Amino acid sequence: KNLLEMADEIENILNDEAKLQETVDYVFNEADKDSNGGIDASEFAKNMKEVYENIGLPIPSDSDISKYMDELDTNKDGKLDKEEFKAYVINMLSRDKEAQN
């Protein structure tokens, strides 16, 4: 796919709640290595580094990843549930779209 098609595809996902939820479910299940229904700090760090590498952004430091996880973890239980993780997926899709333009 060329960059324009990819940007259009991302735009379609961001504007379609069903497609967005499907994407969130897929990425969540990929990141949830132990399948316990939550993304812990090590799973989140691994996923975030892979995503940044894939879209060509500088890989954030462990402390930045930790701070970001803390921001996303709104109920402060030390892991991200699917709803908390959704905010991360939307942010990553938006960044990926910007990287394509």
N, C-alpha and C. Protein backbone atom coordinates (compact mmCIF):
# COMPACT_ATOMS: atom_id res chain seq x y z
N LYS A 1 0.84 -1.20 0.00
CA LYS A 1 0.00 0.00 0.00
C LYS A 1 0.87 1.24 0.00
N ASN A 2 0.41 2.25 -0.70
CA ASN A 2 1.17 3.50 -0.64
C ASN A 2 0.74 4.29 0.61
N LEU A 3 1.49 5.33 0.91
CA LEU A 3 1.27 6.08 2.15
C LEU A 3 -0.10 6.74 2.21
N LEU A 4 -0.57 7.21 1.05
CA LEU A 4 -1.88 7.87 1.02
C LEU A 4 -2.98 6.87 1.35
N GLU A 5 -2.89 5.66 0.79
CA GLU A 5 -3.89 4.63 1.08
C GLU A 5 -3.87 4.27 2.57
N MET A 6 -2.65 4.18 3.13
CA MET A 6 -2.54 3.86 4.54
C MET A 6 -3.16 4.96 5.41
N ALA A 7 -2.89 6.22 5.06
CA ALA A 7 -3.46 7.35 5.81
C ALA A 7 -4.99 7.33 5.71
N ASP A 8 -5.52 7.04 4.52
CA ASP A 8 -6.97 6.94 4.33
C ASP A 8 -7.56 5.81 5.16
N GLU A 9 -6.86 4.68 5.19
CA GLU A 9 -7.32 3.53 5.96
C GLU A 9 -7.37 3.87 7.45
N ILE A 10 -6.34 4.55 7.94
CA ILE A 10 -6.30 4.95 9.35
C ILE A 10 -7.45 5.92 9.64
N GLU A 11 -7.65 6.87 8.73
CA GLU A 11 -8.75 7.83 8.87
C GLU A 11 -10.09 7.10 8.96
N ASN A 12 -10.28 6.07 8.11
CA ASN A 12 -11.52 5.28 8.13
C ASN A 12 -11.70 4.58 9.48
N ILE A 13 -10.62 4.03 10.01
CA ILE A 13 -10.69 3.35 11.31
C ILE A 13 -11.07 4.34 12.41
N LEU A 14 -10.41 5.50 12.41
CA LEU A 14 -10.66 6.50 13.46
C LEU A 14 -12.09 7.04 13.40
N ASN A 15 -12.70 7.03 12.21
CA ASN A 15 -14.05 7.60 12.05
C ASN A 15 -15.16 6.55 12.10
N ASP A 16 -14.81 5.29 12.33
CA ASP A 16 -15.80 4.22 12.35
C ASP A 16 -15.66 3.46 13.66
N GLU A 17 -16.63 3.63 14.55
CA GLU A 17 -16.53 3.06 15.90
C GLU A 17 -16.36 1.54 15.86
N ALA A 18 -17.05 0.86 14.95
CA ALA A 18 -16.95 -0.61 14.87
C ALA A 18 -15.54 -1.03 14.43
N LYS A 19 -15.02 -0.35 13.42
CA LYS A 19 -13.65 -0.66 12.95
C LYS A 19 -12.63 -0.33 14.03
N LEU A 20 -12.85 0.78 14.72
CA LEU A 20 -11.94 1.18 15.79
C LEU A 20 -11.94 0.13 16.89
N GLN A 21 -13.13 -0.32 17.29
CA GLN A 21 -13.22 -1.33 18.35
C GLN A 21 -12.55 -2.64 17.92
N GLU A 22 -12.73 -3.00 16.66
CA GLU A 22 -12.09 -4.20 16.11
C GLU A 22 -10.56 -4.08 16.18
N THR A 23 -10.06 -2.90 15.84
CA THR A 23 -8.62 -2.64 15.89
C THR A 23 -8.12 -2.69 17.33
N VAL A 24 -8.86 -2.05 18.24
CA VAL A 24 -8.50 -2.05 19.65
C VAL A 24 -8.46 -3.50 20.17
N ASP A 25 -9.49 -4.27 19.85
CA ASP A 25 -9.54 -5.68 20.30
C ASP A 25 -8.33 -6.45 19.79
N TYR A 26 -8.01 -6.26 18.52
CA TYR A 26 -6.88 -6.98 17.92
C TYR A 26 -5.56 -6.60 18.59
N VAL A 27 -5.30 -5.30 18.70
CA VAL A 27 -4.04 -4.83 19.28
C VAL A 27 -3.95 -5.22 20.76
N PHE A 28 -5.08 -5.11 21.46
CA PHE A 28 -5.12 -5.48 22.88
C PHE A 28 -4.75 -6.96 23.05
N ASN A 29 -5.36 -7.81 22.24
CA ASN A 29 -5.09 -9.25 22.35
C ASN A 29 -3.64 -9.58 21.98
N GLU A 30 -3.09 -8.85 21.00
CA GLU A 30 -1.68 -9.03 20.64
C GLU A 30 -0.76 -8.63 21.80
N ALA A 31 -1.10 -7.54 22.46
CA ALA A 31 -0.26 -7.02 23.54
C ALA A 31 -0.41 -7.81 24.84
N ASP A 32 -1.59 -8.41 25.04
CA ASP A 32 -1.88 -9.14 26.28
C ASP A 32 -1.29 -10.55 26.19
N LYS A 33 0.02 -10.62 26.32
CA LYS A 33 0.75 -11.88 26.09
C LYS A 33 0.29 -13.01 27.00
N ASP A 34 -0.05 -12.71 28.25
CA ASP A 34 -0.48 -13.78 29.17
C ASP A 34 -2.00 -13.96 29.19
N SER A 35 -2.70 -13.25 28.31
CA SER A 35 -4.16 -13.39 28.13
C SER A 35 -4.95 -13.29 29.44
N ASN A 36 -4.52 -12.36 30.31
CA ASN A 36 -5.24 -12.20 31.58
C ASN A 36 -6.24 -11.05 31.55
N GLY A 37 -6.44 -10.46 30.38
CA GLY A 37 -7.44 -9.40 30.25
C GLY A 37 -6.95 -8.02 30.64
N GLY A 38 -5.65 -7.88 30.88
CA GLY A 38 -5.08 -6.58 31.20
C GLY A 38 -3.67 -6.48 30.65
N ILE A 39 -3.26 -5.28 30.31
CA ILE A 39 -1.90 -5.05 29.80
C ILE A 39 -1.06 -4.53 30.96
N ASP A 40 -0.09 -5.33 31.39
CA ASP A 40 0.78 -4.87 32.49
C ASP A 40 1.92 -4.03 31.93
N ALA A 41 2.73 -3.49 32.81
CA ALA A 41 3.78 -2.54 32.40
C ALA A 41 4.75 -3.15 31.38
N SER A 42 5.16 -4.40 31.57
CA SER A 42 6.13 -4.98 30.64
C SER A 42 5.49 -5.26 29.28
N GLU A 43 4.22 -5.69 29.27
CA GLU A 43 3.52 -5.91 28.00
C GLU A 43 3.34 -4.58 27.27
N PHE A 44 2.99 -3.55 28.02
CA PHE A 44 2.78 -2.23 27.42
C PHE A 44 4.08 -1.69 26.83
N ALA A 45 5.18 -1.81 27.57
CA ALA A 45 6.48 -1.31 27.09
C ALA A 45 6.88 -2.04 25.82
N LYS A 46 6.73 -3.34 25.79
CA LYS A 46 7.10 -4.14 24.62
C LYS A 46 6.26 -3.71 23.41
N ASN A 47 4.94 -3.57 23.61
CA ASN A 47 4.06 -3.18 22.52
C ASN A 47 4.39 -1.78 22.02
N MET A 48 4.59 -0.85 22.94
CA MET A 48 4.85 0.53 22.55
C MET A 48 6.15 0.65 21.76
N LYS A 49 7.18 -0.06 22.19
CA LYS A 49 8.46 -0.03 21.46
C LYS A 49 8.30 -0.59 20.05
N GLU A 50 7.55 -1.69 19.92
CA GLU A 50 7.30 -2.28 18.59
C GLU A 50 6.55 -1.31 17.69
N VAL A 51 5.51 -0.68 18.23
CA VAL A 51 4.69 0.25 17.45
C VAL A 51 5.53 1.44 16.99
N TYR A 52 6.28 2.03 17.90
CA TYR A 52 7.11 3.19 17.53
C TYR A 52 8.13 2.81 16.47
N GLU A 53 8.72 1.64 16.62
CA GLU A 53 9.70 1.18 15.64
C GLU A 53 9.03 0.99 14.27
N ASN A 54 7.84 0.40 14.26
CA ASN A 54 7.12 0.14 13.02
C ASN A 54 6.71 1.40 12.28
N ILE A 55 6.39 2.48 13.02
CA ILE A 55 5.97 3.70 12.32
C ILE A 55 7.12 4.71 12.19
N GLY A 56 8.31 4.27 12.58
CA GLY A 56 9.49 5.09 12.33
C GLY A 56 9.67 6.26 13.28
N LEU A 57 9.10 6.16 14.48
CA LEU A 57 9.31 7.21 15.47
C LEU A 57 10.41 6.77 16.43
N PRO A 58 11.13 7.73 17.03
CA PRO A 58 12.16 7.36 18.00
C PRO A 58 11.52 6.61 19.17
N ILE A 59 12.14 5.52 19.57
CA ILE A 59 11.60 4.70 20.65
C ILE A 59 11.73 5.45 21.98
N PRO A 60 10.60 5.60 22.69
CA PRO A 60 10.64 6.35 23.95
C PRO A 60 11.45 5.62 25.02
N SER A 61 11.93 6.39 25.98
CA SER A 61 12.69 5.81 27.09
C SER A 61 11.75 5.02 28.00
N ASP A 62 12.33 4.14 28.80
CA ASP A 62 11.51 3.36 29.74
C ASP A 62 10.75 4.27 30.69
N SER A 63 11.40 5.37 31.12
CA SER A 63 10.70 6.27 32.06
C SER A 63 9.53 6.98 31.37
N ASP A 64 9.69 7.36 30.09
CA ASP A 64 8.58 7.97 29.35
C ASP A 64 7.44 6.98 29.16
N ILE A 65 7.78 5.73 28.86
CA ILE A 65 6.76 4.68 28.69
C ILE A 65 6.02 4.49 30.01
N SER A 66 6.76 4.46 31.09
CA SER A 66 6.18 4.28 32.42
C SER A 66 5.22 5.43 32.77
N LYS A 67 5.63 6.66 32.47
CA LYS A 67 4.78 7.84 32.72
C LYS A 67 3.50 7.76 31.89
N TYR A 68 3.66 7.37 30.62
CA TYR A 68 2.51 7.28 29.72
C TYR A 68 1.54 6.21 30.21
N MET A 69 2.08 5.07 30.63
CA MET A 69 1.23 4.00 31.16
C MET A 69 0.46 4.51 32.38
N ASP A 70 1.14 5.26 33.23
CA ASP A 70 0.51 5.80 34.43
C ASP A 70 -0.63 6.75 34.07
N GLU A 71 -0.42 7.56 33.02
CA GLU A 71 -1.48 8.48 32.56
C GLU A 71 -2.69 7.70 32.04
N LEU A 72 -2.42 6.62 31.29
CA LEU A 72 -3.51 5.84 30.70
C LEU A 72 -4.26 5.01 31.74
N ASP A 73 -3.55 4.61 32.78
CA ASP A 73 -4.13 3.74 33.82
C ASP A 73 -4.98 4.57 34.77
N THR A 74 -6.18 4.94 34.30
CA THR A 74 -7.00 5.90 35.05
C THR A 74 -7.52 5.34 36.38
N ASN A 75 -7.70 4.03 36.48
CA ASN A 75 -8.16 3.47 37.77
C ASN A 75 -7.00 3.04 38.67
N LYS A 76 -5.77 3.26 38.20
CA LYS A 76 -4.54 3.04 39.00
C LYS A 76 -4.42 1.62 39.58
N ASP A 77 -4.79 0.62 38.75
CA ASP A 77 -4.66 -0.77 39.22
C ASP A 77 -3.38 -1.44 38.71
N GLY A 78 -2.54 -0.64 38.02
CA GLY A 78 -1.25 -1.17 37.57
C GLY A 78 -1.29 -1.90 36.24
N LYS A 79 -2.48 -1.95 35.64
CA LYS A 79 -2.58 -2.53 34.30
C LYS A 79 -3.64 -1.78 33.50
N LEU A 80 -3.59 -1.95 32.18
CA LEU A 80 -4.55 -1.27 31.32
C LEU A 80 -5.65 -2.23 30.92
N ASP A 81 -6.89 -1.84 31.18
CA ASP A 81 -8.00 -2.64 30.65
C ASP A 81 -8.26 -2.17 29.22
N LYS A 82 -9.21 -2.81 28.56
CA LYS A 82 -9.42 -2.51 27.14
C LYS A 82 -9.82 -1.06 26.90
N GLU A 83 -10.62 -0.49 27.80
CA GLU A 83 -11.06 0.90 27.63
C GLU A 83 -9.89 1.87 27.80
N GLU A 84 -9.05 1.63 28.79
CA GLU A 84 -7.86 2.48 28.99
C GLU A 84 -6.90 2.33 27.80
N PHE A 85 -6.77 1.11 27.31
CA PHE A 85 -5.88 0.82 26.19
C PHE A 85 -6.36 1.48 24.90
N LYS A 86 -7.68 1.66 24.78
CA LYS A 86 -8.27 2.26 23.58
C LYS A 86 -7.72 3.67 23.34
N ALA A 87 -7.52 4.44 24.41
CA ALA A 87 -6.97 5.80 24.27
C ALA A 87 -5.58 5.74 23.65
N TYR A 88 -4.80 4.74 24.03
CA TYR A 88 -3.46 4.54 23.48
C TYR A 88 -3.54 4.20 21.99
N VAL A 89 -4.44 3.30 21.62
CA VAL A 89 -4.58 2.90 20.21
C VAL A 89 -4.99 4.10 19.35
N ILE A 90 -5.93 4.90 19.82
CA ILE A 90 -6.36 6.09 19.07
C ILE A 90 -5.17 7.04 18.88
N ASN A 91 -4.40 7.25 19.93
CA ASN A 91 -3.22 8.12 19.87
C ASN A 91 -2.21 7.57 18.85
N MET A 92 -1.95 6.26 18.89
CA MET A 92 -0.97 5.66 17.97
C MET A 92 -1.45 5.73 16.53
N LEU A 93 -2.74 5.50 16.29
CA LEU A 93 -3.28 5.61 14.94
C LEU A 93 -3.15 7.04 14.43
N SER A 94 -3.42 8.01 15.29
CA SER A 94 -3.30 9.42 14.89
C SER A 94 -1.85 9.76 14.55
N ARG A 95 -0.91 9.26 15.36
CA ARG A 95 0.51 9.52 15.10
C ARG A 95 0.96 8.85 13.81
N ASP A 96 0.46 7.64 13.58
CA ASP A 96 0.82 6.90 12.37
C ASP A 96 0.30 7.63 11.14
N LYS A 97 -0.92 8.17 11.24
CA LYS A 97 -1.52 8.92 10.13
C LYS A 97 -0.65 10.15 9.82
N GLU A 98 -0.23 10.85 10.89
CA GLU A 98 0.62 12.03 10.70
C GLU A 98 1.95 11.64 10.06
N ALA A 99 2.49 10.50 10.46
CA ALA A 99 3.77 10.04 9.92
C ALA A 99 3.64 9.71 8.43
N GLN A 100 2.44 9.32 7.99
CA GLN A 100 2.22 8.97 6.58
C GLN A 100 2.11 10.21 5.69
N ASN A 101 1.68 11.32 6.30
CA ASN A 101 1.43 12.55 5.50
C ASN A 101 2.72 13.29 5.20
